[in-house]
PDB file of N, CA and C in Angstrom:
ATOM      1  N   MET A   1       1.033  -1.373  -0.375  1.00  0.00           N
ATOM      2  CA  MET A   1       0.069   0.079  -0.044  1.00  0.00           C
ATOM      3  C   MET A   1       0.746   1.325  -0.155  1.00  0.00           C
ATOM      4  N   THR A   2       0.503   2.294  -0.864  1.00  0.00           N
ATOM      5  CA  THR A   2       0.762   3.503  -0.814  1.00  0.00           C
ATOM      6  C   THR A   2       0.786   4.022   0.764  1.00  0.00           C
ATOM      7  N   ASP A   3       1.937   5.066   0.681  1.00  0.00           N
ATOM      8  CA  ASP A   3       1.671   6.326   1.731  1.00  0.00           C
ATOM      9  C   ASP A   3       0.667   7.246   1.210  1.00  0.00           C
ATOM     10  N   ARG A   4      -0.470   7.367   1.632  1.00  0.00           N
ATOM     11  CA  ARG A   4      -1.207   8.069   1.296  1.00  0.00           C
ATOM     12  C   ARG A   4      -1.713   9.213   1.785  1.00  0.00           C
ATOM     13  N   ARG A   5      -0.437  10.128   2.761  1.00  0.00           N
ATOM     14  CA  ARG A   5      -0.688  10.898   3.759  1.00  0.00           C
ATOM     15  C   ARG A   5      -0.531  12.249   3.031  1.00  0.00           C
ATOM     16  N   LYS A   6      -0.469  12.005   1.667  1.00  0.00           N
ATOM     17  CA  LYS A   6       0.187  13.502   1.200  1.00  0.00           C
ATOM     18  C   LYS A   6      -0.872  14.013   1.231  1.00  0.00           C
ATOM     19  N   THR A   7      -0.694  15.597   0.957  1.00  0.00           N
ATOM     20  CA  THR A   7      -2.041  16.633   0.701  1.00  0.00           C
ATOM     21  C   THR A   7      -1.934  16.814  -0.557  1.00  0.00           C
ATOM     22  N   TYR A   8      -3.574  17.355  -1.121  1.00  0.00           N
ATOM     23  CA  TYR A   8      -3.863  17.249  -2.498  1.00  0.00           C
ATOM     24  C   TYR A   8      -2.868  18.022  -3.386  1.00  0.00           C
ATOM     25  N   PRO A   9      -2.417  18.843  -3.558  1.00  0.00           N
ATOM     26  CA  PRO A   9      -1.759  19.504  -4.375  1.00  0.00           C
ATOM     27  C   PRO A   9      -1.398  18.153  -5.517  1.00  0.00           C
ATOM     28  N   ASP A  10      -0.930  17.269  -5.090  1.00  0.00           N
ATOM     29  CA  ASP A  10      -0.443  16.125  -5.920  1.00  0.00           C
ATOM     30  C   ASP A  10      -1.090  14.953  -5.813  1.00  0.00           C
ATOM     31  N   GLU A  11      -2.243  15.223  -5.166  1.00  0.00           N
ATOM     32  CA  GLU A  11      -2.877  13.824  -4.863  1.00  0.00           C
ATOM     33  C   GLU A  11      -4.289  13.945  -6.033  1.00  0.00           C
ATOM     34  N   PRO A  12      -3.742  12.834  -7.130  1.00  0.00           N
ATOM     35  CA  PRO A  12      -4.966  12.587  -8.200  1.00  0.00           C
ATOM     36  C   PRO A  12      -6.628  12.401  -7.636  1.00  0.00           C
ATOM     37  N   HIS A  13      -6.263  11.372  -6.318  1.00  0.00           N
ATOM     38  CA  HIS A  13      -7.888  11.349  -5.901  1.00  0.00           C
ATOM     39  C   HIS A  13      -8.646  12.221  -5.269  1.00  0.00           C
ATOM     40  N   PRO A  14      -9.946  12.521  -5.279  1.00  0.00           N
ATOM     41  CA  PRO A  14     -10.531  13.608  -4.370  1.00  0.00           C
ATOM     42  C   PRO A  14     -10.740  12.738  -2.954  1.00  0.00           C
ATOM     43  N   VAL A  15     -10.547  11.136  -2.799  1.00  0.00           N
ATOM     44  CA  VAL A  15     -10.799  10.745  -1.439  1.00  0.00           C
ATOM     45  C   VAL A  15      -9.863  10.701  -0.886  1.00  0.00           C
ATOM     46  N   VAL A  16      -9.081  10.756   0.411  1.00  0.00           N
ATOM     47  CA  VAL A  16      -8.278   9.760   0.755  1.00  0.00           C
ATOM     48  C   VAL A  16      -8.020   9.087   1.766  1.00  0.00           C
ATOM     49  N   VAL A  17      -7.983   7.712   2.027  1.00  0.00           N
ATOM     50  CA  VAL A  17      -7.957   6.937   3.224  1.00  0.00           C
ATOM     51  C   VAL A  17      -6.969   6.891   4.161  1.00  0.00           C
ATOM     52  N   PRO A  18      -7.152   6.254   5.136  1.00  0.00           N
ATOM     53  CA  PRO A  18      -6.488   6.358   6.207  1.00  0.00           C
ATOM     54  C   PRO A  18      -5.159   5.122   5.771  1.00  0.00           C
ATOM     55  N   TYR A  19      -4.065   5.967   6.356  1.00  0.00           N
ATOM     56  CA  TYR A  19      -2.376   5.178   5.746  1.00  0.00           C
ATOM     57  C   TYR A  19      -2.701   3.966   6.786  1.00  0.00           C
ATOM     58  N   ARG A  20      -2.038   2.938   5.858  1.00  0.00           N
ATOM     59  CA  ARG A  20      -1.700   1.753   6.563  1.00  0.00           C
ATOM     60  C   ARG A  20      -0.299   1.195   6.321  1.00  0.00           C
ATOM     61  N   ALA A  21       0.495   0.753   7.143  1.00  0.00           N
ATOM     62  CA  ALA A  21       2.224   0.503   6.522  1.00  0.00           C
ATOM     63  C   ALA A  21       1.995  -0.875   5.991  1.00  0.00           C
ATOM     64  N   ASP A  22       2.607  -1.024   4.783  1.00  0.00           N
ATOM     65  CA  ASP A  22       2.822  -2.298   4.338  1.00  0.00           C
ATOM     66  C   ASP A  22       3.279  -3.706   5.560  1.00  0.00           C
ATOM     67  N   GLY A  23       2.562  -4.418   5.327  1.00  0.00           N
ATOM     68  CA  GLY A  23       2.480  -5.909   5.850  1.00  0.00           C
ATOM     69  C   GLY A  23       1.925  -5.546   8.181  1.00  0.00           C
ATOM     70  N   ARG A  24       1.141  -4.282   7.523  1.00  0.00           N
ATOM     71  CA  ARG A  24       0.782  -4.262   9.090  1.00  0.00           C
ATOM     72  C   ARG A  24      -0.958  -4.608   8.793  1.00  0.00           C
ATOM     73  N   ARG A  25      -1.822  -4.694  10.223  1.00  0.00           N
ATOM     74  CA  ARG A  25      -3.104  -4.592  10.084  1.00  0.00           C
ATOM     75  C   ARG A  25      -3.136  -3.432  11.333  1.00  0.00           C
ATOM     76  N   HIS A  26      -4.452  -2.834  11.294  1.00  0.00           N
ATOM     77  CA  HIS A  26      -5.149  -2.038  11.967  1.00  0.00           C
ATOM     78  C   HIS A  26      -6.541  -2.668  12.456  1.00  0.00           C
ATOM     79  N   VAL A  27      -6.530  -2.179  13.882  1.00  0.00           N
ATOM     80  CA  VAL A  27      -7.864  -2.165  14.235  1.00  0.00           C
ATOM     81  C   VAL A  27      -8.263  -0.910  14.269  1.00  0.00           C
ATOM     82  N   PHE A  28      -9.282  -0.610  13.340  1.00  0.00           N
ATOM     83  CA  PHE A  28      -9.847   1.247  13.402  1.00  0.00           C
ATOM     84  C   PHE A  28     -10.938   1.103  14.527  1.00  0.00           C
ATOM     85  N   HIS A  29     -10.865   2.233  15.237  1.00  0.00           N
ATOM     86  CA  HIS A  29     -12.010   3.306  16.072  1.00  0.00           C
ATOM     87  C   HIS A  29     -12.655   3.749  15.529  1.00  0.00           C
ATOM     88  N   GLN A  30     -12.453   4.086  14.519  1.00  0.00           N
ATOM     89  CA  GLN A  30     -13.176   5.563  13.521  1.00  0.00           C
ATOM     90  C   GLN A  30     -12.249   5.028  12.205  1.00  0.00           C
ATOM     91  N   TYR A  31     -13.192   5.178  11.188  1.00  0.00           N
ATOM     92  CA  TYR A  31     -12.604   5.029   9.593  1.00  0.00           C
ATOM     93  C   TYR A  31     -12.989   6.415   9.285  1.00  0.00           C
ATOM     94  N   VAL A  32     -12.329   7.213   8.903  1.00  0.00           N
ATOM     95  CA  VAL A  32     -12.229   8.669   8.703  1.00  0.00           C
ATOM     96  C   VAL A  32     -11.142   8.646   7.772  1.00  0.00           C
ATOM     97  N   ILE A  33     -12.005   9.657   6.601  1.00  0.00           N
ATOM     98  CA  ILE A  33     -11.443   9.821   5.499  1.00  0.00           C
ATOM     99  C   ILE A  33     -11.473  11.473   4.977  1.00  0.00           C
ATOM    100  N   ARG A  34     -10.690  11.759   4.207  1.00  0.00           N
ATOM    101  CA  ARG A  34     -10.887  12.818   3.416  1.00  0.00           C
ATOM    102  C   ARG A  34     -11.382  13.187   2.621  1.00  0.00           C
ATOM    103  N   ALA A  35     -12.147  14.325   2.224  1.00  0.00           N
ATOM    104  CA  ALA A  35     -12.881  14.184   0.773  1.00  0.00           C
ATOM    105  C   ALA A  35     -12.764  16.028   0.652  1.00  0.00           C
ATOM    106  N   ARG A  36     -12.462  16.018  -0.590  1.00  0.00           N
ATOM    107  CA  ARG A  36     -12.430  17.169  -0.747  1.00  0.00           C
ATOM    108  C   ARG A  36     -13.833  18.358  -1.105  1.00  0.00           C
ATOM    109  N   ASN A  37     -14.581  17.333  -1.514  1.00  0.00           N
ATOM    110  CA  ASN A  37     -16.315  17.759  -1.509  1.00  0.00           C
ATOM    111  C   ASN A  37     -16.866  16.624  -0.294  1.00  0.00           C
ATOM    112  N   ARG A  38     -16.337  16.773   0.578  1.00  0.00           N
ATOM    113  CA  ARG A  38     -17.063  16.314   2.053  1.00  0.00           C
ATOM    114  C   ARG A  38     -18.602  16.405   2.125  1.00  0.00           C
ATOM    115  N   ASP A  39     -19.283  17.505   2.345  1.00  0.00           N
ATOM    116  CA  ASP A  39     -20.237  17.599   2.375  1.00  0.00           C
ATOM    117  C   ASP A  39     -21.437  17.433   1.381  1.00  0.00           C
ATOM    118  N   ALA A  40     -21.113  17.287  -0.182  1.00  0.00           N
ATOM    119  CA  ALA A  40     -22.004  16.385  -1.252  1.00  0.00           C
ATOM    120  C   ALA A  40     -21.399  15.118  -0.970  1.00  0.00           C
ATOM    121  N   LEU A  41     -20.139  14.578  -1.046  1.00  0.00           N
ATOM    122  CA  LEU A  41     -20.406  12.980  -0.245  1.00  0.00           C
ATOM    123  C   LEU A  41     -21.262  12.609   0.313  1.00  0.00           C
ATOM    124  N   ALA A  42     -21.228  13.178   2.066  1.00  0.00           N
ATOM    125  CA  ALA A  42     -21.701  12.833   3.089  1.00  0.00           C
ATOM    126  C   ALA A  42     -23.406  13.120   2.696  1.00  0.00           C
ATOM    127  N   ARG A  43     -24.236  13.991   1.800  1.00  0.00           N
ATOM    128  CA  ARG A  43     -25.398  14.047   1.237  1.00  0.00           C
ATOM    129  C   ARG A  43     -25.331  12.516   0.145  1.00  0.00           C
ATOM    130  N   PHE A  44     -24.693  12.562  -0.881  1.00  0.00           N
ATOM    131  CA  PHE A  44     -24.691  11.647  -1.532  1.00  0.00           C
ATOM    132  C   PHE A  44     -24.668   9.517  -0.632  1.00  0.00           C
ATOM    133  N   LEU A  45     -23.946   9.643   0.496  1.00  0.00           N
ATOM    134  CA  LEU A  45     -24.060   8.830   1.378  1.00  0.00           C
ATOM    135  C   LEU A  45     -25.230   8.381   1.891  1.00  0.00           C
ATOM    136  N   ASP A  46     -25.848   9.166   2.654  1.00  0.00           N
ATOM    137  CA  ASP A  46     -26.982   9.744   3.241  1.00  0.00           C
ATOM    138  C   ASP A  46     -28.389   9.398   1.932  1.00  0.00           C
ATOM    139  N   GLU A  47     -28.093   9.519   1.211  1.00  0.00           N
ATOM    140  CA  GLU A  47     -29.156   9.000   0.298  1.00  0.00           C
ATOM    141  C   GLU A  47     -29.022   7.988   0.080  1.00  0.00           C
ATOM    142  N   GLU A  48     -28.342   7.280  -0.061  1.00  0.00           N
ATOM    143  CA  GLU A  48     -28.368   5.694  -0.504  1.00  0.00           C
ATOM    144  C   GLU A  48     -28.056   5.002   1.155  1.00  0.00           C
ATOM    145  N   GLY A  49     -28.160   5.839   1.965  1.00  0.00           N
ATOM    146  CA  GLY A  49     -28.687   4.879   3.462  1.00  0.00           C
ATOM    147  C   GLY A  49     -27.342   4.725   4.179  1.00  0.00           C
ATOM    148  N   ILE A  50     -26.058   5.136   4.050  1.00  0.00           N
ATOM    149  CA  ILE A  50     -25.010   5.412   4.652  1.00  0.00           C
ATOM    150  C   ILE A  50     -24.994   6.427   5.676  1.00  0.00           C
ATOM    151  N   GLY A  51     -25.025   6.389   7.030  1.00  0.00           N
ATOM    152  CA  GLY A  51     -24.649   7.582   7.773  1.00  0.00           C
ATOM    153  C   GLY A  51     -22.939   7.960   8.044  1.00  0.00           C
ATOM    154  N   THR A  52     -22.854   9.034   7.846  1.00  0.00           N
ATOM    155  CA  THR A  52     -21.689   9.430   7.886  1.00  0.00           C
ATOM    156  C   THR A  52     -21.551  10.523   9.606  1.00  0.00           C
ATOM    157  N   GLU A  53     -20.346  10.856   9.897  1.00  0.00           N
ATOM    158  CA  GLU A  53     -20.644  11.636  11.065  1.00  0.00           C
ATOM    159  C   GLU A  53     -19.121  12.462  10.959  1.00  0.00           C
ATOM    160  N   VAL A  54     -19.020  13.967  11.150  1.00  0.00           N
ATOM    161  CA  VAL A  54     -18.129  14.578  10.925  1.00  0.00           C
ATOM    162  C   VAL A  54     -17.975  15.354  12.787  1.00  0.00           C
ATOM    163  N   TYR A  55     -16.799  14.417  13.328  1.00  0.00           N
ATOM    164  CA  TYR A  55     -16.686  14.466  14.930  1.00  0.00           C
ATOM    165  C   TYR A  55     -15.970  15.994  15.194  1.00  0.00           C
ATOM    166  N   TYR A  56     -15.090  16.386  14.246  1.00  0.00           N
ATOM    167  CA  TYR A  56     -14.321  17.816  14.594  1.00  0.00           C
ATOM    168  C   TYR A  56     -14.767  18.901  13.962  1.00  0.00           C
ATOM    169  N   PRO A  57     -15.831  19.164  13.698  1.00  0.00           N
ATOM    170  CA  PRO A  57     -15.835  20.157  12.366  1.00  0.00           C
ATOM    171  C   PRO A  57     -14.888  22.034  12.269  1.00  0.00           C
ATOM    172  N   VAL A  58     -14.663  22.095  13.967  1.00  0.00           N
ATOM    173  CA  VAL A  58     -13.752  23.158  14.090  1.00  0.00           C
ATOM    174  C   VAL A  58     -12.548  22.842  14.365  1.00  0.00           C
ATOM    175  N   PRO A  59     -11.405  23.234  13.942  1.00  0.00           N
ATOM    176  CA  PRO A  59     -10.387  22.910  14.372  1.00  0.00           C
ATOM    177  C   PRO A  59     -10.280  23.824  15.688  1.00  0.00           C
ATOM    178  N   LEU A  60      -9.172  23.172  16.658  1.00  0.00           N
ATOM    179  CA  LEU A  60      -8.983  23.914  17.842  1.00  0.00           C
ATOM    180  C   LEU A  60      -8.779  24.898  18.127  1.00  0.00           C
ATOM    181  N   HIS A  61      -7.748  25.558  17.236  1.00  0.00           N
ATOM    182  CA  HIS A  61      -7.606  27.124  17.484  1.00  0.00           C
ATOM    183  C   HIS A  61      -8.809  28.248  17.287  1.00  0.00           C
ATOM    184  N   LEU A  62      -9.776  27.642  16.732  1.00  0.00           N
ATOM    185  CA  LEU A  62     -11.069  28.273  16.420  1.00  0.00           C
ATOM    186  C   LEU A  62     -12.487  28.249  17.218  1.00  0.00           C
ATOM    187  N   GLN A  63     -12.218  26.853  18.597  1.00  0.00           N
ATOM    188  CA  GLN A  63     -13.495  26.721  18.903  1.00  0.00           C
ATOM    189  C   GLN A  63     -13.247  27.863  19.972  1.00  0.00           C
ATOM    190  N   GLY A  64     -14.136  28.411  20.415  1.00  0.00           N
ATOM    191  CA  GLY A  64     -14.742  29.553  21.685  1.00  0.00           C
ATOM    192  C   GLY A  64     -13.724  29.242  23.027  1.00  0.00           C
ATOM    193  N   CYS A  65     -13.891  27.799  23.342  1.00  0.00           N
ATOM    194  CA  CYS A  65     -13.260  27.648  24.574  1.00  0.00           C
ATOM    195  C   CYS A  65     -11.702  28.120  24.888  1.00  0.00           C
ATOM    196  N   PHE A  66     -11.119  28.366  23.506  1.00  0.00           N
ATOM    197  CA  PHE A  66      -9.699  28.796  23.228  1.00  0.00           C
ATOM    198  C   PHE A  66      -9.825  30.115  22.884  1.00  0.00           C
ATOM    199  N   HIS A  67     -10.821  30.882  22.682  1.00  0.00           N
ATOM    200  CA  HIS A  67     -10.818  32.393  22.100  1.00  0.00           C
ATOM    201  C   HIS A  67      -9.778  33.074  22.942  1.00  0.00           C
ATOM    202  N   ALA A  68      -9.241  32.824  24.166  1.00  0.00           N
ATOM    203  CA  ALA A  68      -8.182  33.469  24.763  1.00  0.00           C
ATOM    204  C   ALA A  68      -7.238  33.409  24.424  1.00  0.00           C
ATOM    205  N   TRP A  69      -6.696  32.418  23.358  1.00  0.00           N
ATOM    206  CA  TRP A  69      -5.695  32.349  22.686  1.00  0.00           C
ATOM    207  C   TRP A  69      -5.318  33.252  21.742  1.00  0.00           C
ATOM    208  N   SER A  70      -6.492  33.710  21.301  1.00  0.00           N
ATOM    209  CA  SER A  70      -6.526  34.631  20.348  1.00  0.00           C
ATOM    210  C   SER A  70      -5.874  33.960  18.617  1.00  0.00           C
ATOM    211  N   GLY A  71      -6.540  32.327  18.782  1.00  0.00           N
ATOM    212  CA  GLY A  71      -6.371  32.017  17.393  1.00  0.00           C
ATOM    213  C   GLY A  71      -7.288  32.660  16.192  1.00  0.00           C
ATOM    214  N   ARG A  72      -6.814  32.594  14.908  1.00  0.00           N
ATOM    215  CA  ARG A  72      -7.589  33.103  13.938  1.00  0.00           C
ATOM    216  C   ARG A  72      -7.608  32.530  13.039  1.00  0.00           C
ATOM    217  N   ALA A  73      -8.780  32.687  11.913  1.00  0.00           N
ATOM    218  CA  ALA A  73      -8.869  31.980  10.660  1.00  0.00           C
ATOM    219  C   ALA A  73      -7.243  32.277  10.181  1.00  0.00           C
ATOM    220  N   GLY A  74      -6.809  30.894   9.183  1.00  0.00           N
ATOM    221  CA  GLY A  74      -5.708  30.960   8.361  1.00  0.00           C
ATOM    222  C   GLY A  74      -4.287  30.897   9.441  1.00  0.00           C
ATOM    223  N   ASP A  75      -4.738  30.761  10.926  1.00  0.00           N
ATOM    224  CA  ASP A  75      -3.443  30.538  11.592  1.00  0.00           C
ATOM    225  C   ASP A  75      -2.910  28.850  11.116  1.00  0.00           C
ATOM    226  N   PHE A  76      -3.606  28.160  10.872  1.00  0.00           N
ATOM    227  CA  PHE A  76      -3.239  27.127  11.096  1.00  0.00           C
ATOM    228  C   PHE A  76      -4.058  25.917   9.871  1.00  0.00           C
ATOM    229  N   PRO A  77      -3.474  26.820   8.702  1.00  0.00           N
ATOM    230  CA  PRO A  77      -4.318  26.251   7.355  1.00  0.00           C
ATOM    231  C   PRO A  77      -4.670  24.683   7.589  1.00  0.00           C
ATOM    232  N   GLU A  78      -3.656  23.651   7.617  1.00  0.00           N
ATOM    233  CA  GLU A  78      -3.938  22.941   7.477  1.00  0.00           C
ATOM    234  C   GLU A  78      -4.753  22.230   8.333  1.00  0.00           C
ATOM    235  N   ALA A  79      -4.854  22.604   9.502  1.00  0.00           N
ATOM    236  CA  ALA A  79      -6.179  22.050  10.466  1.00  0.00           C
ATOM    237  C   ALA A  79      -7.049  22.135   9.887  1.00  0.00           C
ATOM    238  N   GLU A  80      -7.318  23.629   9.369  1.00  0.00           N
ATOM    239  CA  GLU A  80      -8.957  24.438   8.827  1.00  0.00           C
ATOM    240  C   GLU A  80      -8.854  23.370   7.875  1.00  0.00           C
ATOM    241  N   ARG A  81      -8.222  22.523   7.117  1.00  0.00           N
ATOM    242  CA  ARG A  81      -8.119  22.136   5.653  1.00  0.00           C
ATOM    243  C   ARG A  81      -9.051  20.826   6.148  1.00  0.00           C
ATOM    244  N   ALA A  82      -8.510  20.397   7.265  1.00  0.00           N
ATOM    245  CA  ALA A  82      -8.651  19.007   7.458  1.00  0.00           C
ATOM    246  C   ALA A  82     -10.005  18.714   8.364  1.00  0.00           C
ATOM    247  N   ALA A  83     -10.302  19.849   9.132  1.00  0.00           N
ATOM    248  CA  ALA A  83     -11.790  20.055   9.645  1.00  0.00           C
ATOM    249  C   ALA A  83     -12.348  20.149   8.730  1.00  0.00           C
ATOM    250  N   ALA A  84     -12.751  20.824   7.495  1.00  0.00           N
ATOM    251  CA  ALA A  84     -13.398  21.176   6.497  1.00  0.00           C
ATOM    252  C   ALA A  84     -13.456  19.575   5.529  1.00  0.00           C
ATOM    253  N   GLU A  85     -12.515  18.681   5.587  1.00  0.00           N
ATOM    254  CA  GLU A  85     -12.691  17.460   4.882  1.00  0.00           C
ATOM    255  C   GLU A  85     -12.531  16.147   5.490  1.00  0.00           C
ATOM    256  N   VAL A  86     -12.576  16.181   6.688  1.00  0.00           N
ATOM    257  CA  VAL A  86     -12.644  14.745   7.266  1.00  0.00           C
ATOM    258  C   VAL A  86     -14.354  14.346   7.351  1.00  0.00           C
ATOM    259  N   LEU A  87     -14.191  13.085   7.244  1.00  0.00           N
ATOM    260  CA  LEU A  87     -15.735  12.265   7.393  1.00  0.00           C
ATOM    261  C   LEU A  87     -15.139  11.094   7.887  1.00  0.00           C
ATOM    262  N   ALA A  88     -15.969  11.061   9.051  1.00  0.00           N
ATOM    263  CA  ALA A  88     -16.404   9.548   9.516  1.00  0.00           C
ATOM    264  C   ALA A  88     -17.132   8.692   8.871  1.00  0.00           C
ATOM    265  N   LEU A  89     -16.852   7.253   8.237  1.00  0.00           N
ATOM    266  CA  LEU A  89     -17.629   6.393   7.944  1.00  0.00           C
ATOM    267  C   LEU A  89     -18.264   5.146   8.957  1.00  0.00           C
ATOM    268  N   PRO A  90     -19.183   4.418   8.535  1.00  0.00           N
ATOM    269  CA  PRO A  90     -19.739   3.231   9.553  1.00  0.00           C
ATOM    270  C   PRO A  90     -18.855   2.361   9.762  1.00  0.00           C
ATOM    271  N   LEU A  91     -18.503   2.021  10.937  1.00  0.00           N
ATOM    272  CA  LEU A  91     -17.612   0.739  11.017  1.00  0.00           C
ATOM    273  C   LEU A  91     -18.063   0.031  12.453  1.00  0.00           C
ATOM    274  N   TYR A  92     -18.565  -1.100  12.422  1.00  0.00           N
ATOM    275  CA  TYR A  92     -18.646  -1.702  13.309  1.00  0.00           C
ATOM    276  C   TYR A  92     -18.598  -2.994  12.814  1.00  0.00           C
ATOM    277  N   PRO A  93     -18.747  -4.169  13.807  1.00  0.00           N
ATOM    278  CA  PRO A  93     -18.431  -5.523  13.650  1.00  0.00           C
ATOM    279  C   PRO A  93     -19.455  -6.572  12.456  1.00  0.00           C
ATOM    280  N   GLU A  94     -20.554  -5.898  13.136  1.00  0.00           N
ATOM    281  CA  GLU A  94     -21.693  -6.476  12.192  1.00  0.00           C
ATOM    282  C   GLU A  94     -22.025  -5.596  10.857  1.00  0.00           C
ATOM    283  N   LEU A  95     -21.473  -4.990  10.204  1.00  0.00           N
ATOM    284  CA  LEU A  95     -21.375  -3.917   9.294  1.00  0.00           C
ATOM    285  C   LEU A  95     -21.478  -5.027   8.122  1.00  0.00           C
ATOM    286  N   THR A  96     -22.442  -5.405   7.012  1.00  0.00           N
ATOM    287  CA  THR A  96     -22.163  -6.025   6.021  1.00  0.00           C
ATOM    288  C   THR A  96     -21.762  -4.991   4.516  1.00  0.00           C
TER     289      THR A  96
END
């Protein structure tokens, strides 16, 4: 498996899946992907009866509880982009 942690400028696919090292297995607690058009993908999956979730829609530096630290939009562009792109897909043992 190739390293899929690269960011989008040189990424040919609109969806990036979690990285797994060759020869390794993972027991995922959540299966979170990154999608450039996350909201459209979530709507499509919902129409197909597949639930999704966005667990962290706001990066830490923009959350109200950290207001005293004076974080502003643009301070951490990668965190902001990740918050706009992450989408958790269903994952549980009984999933068919």
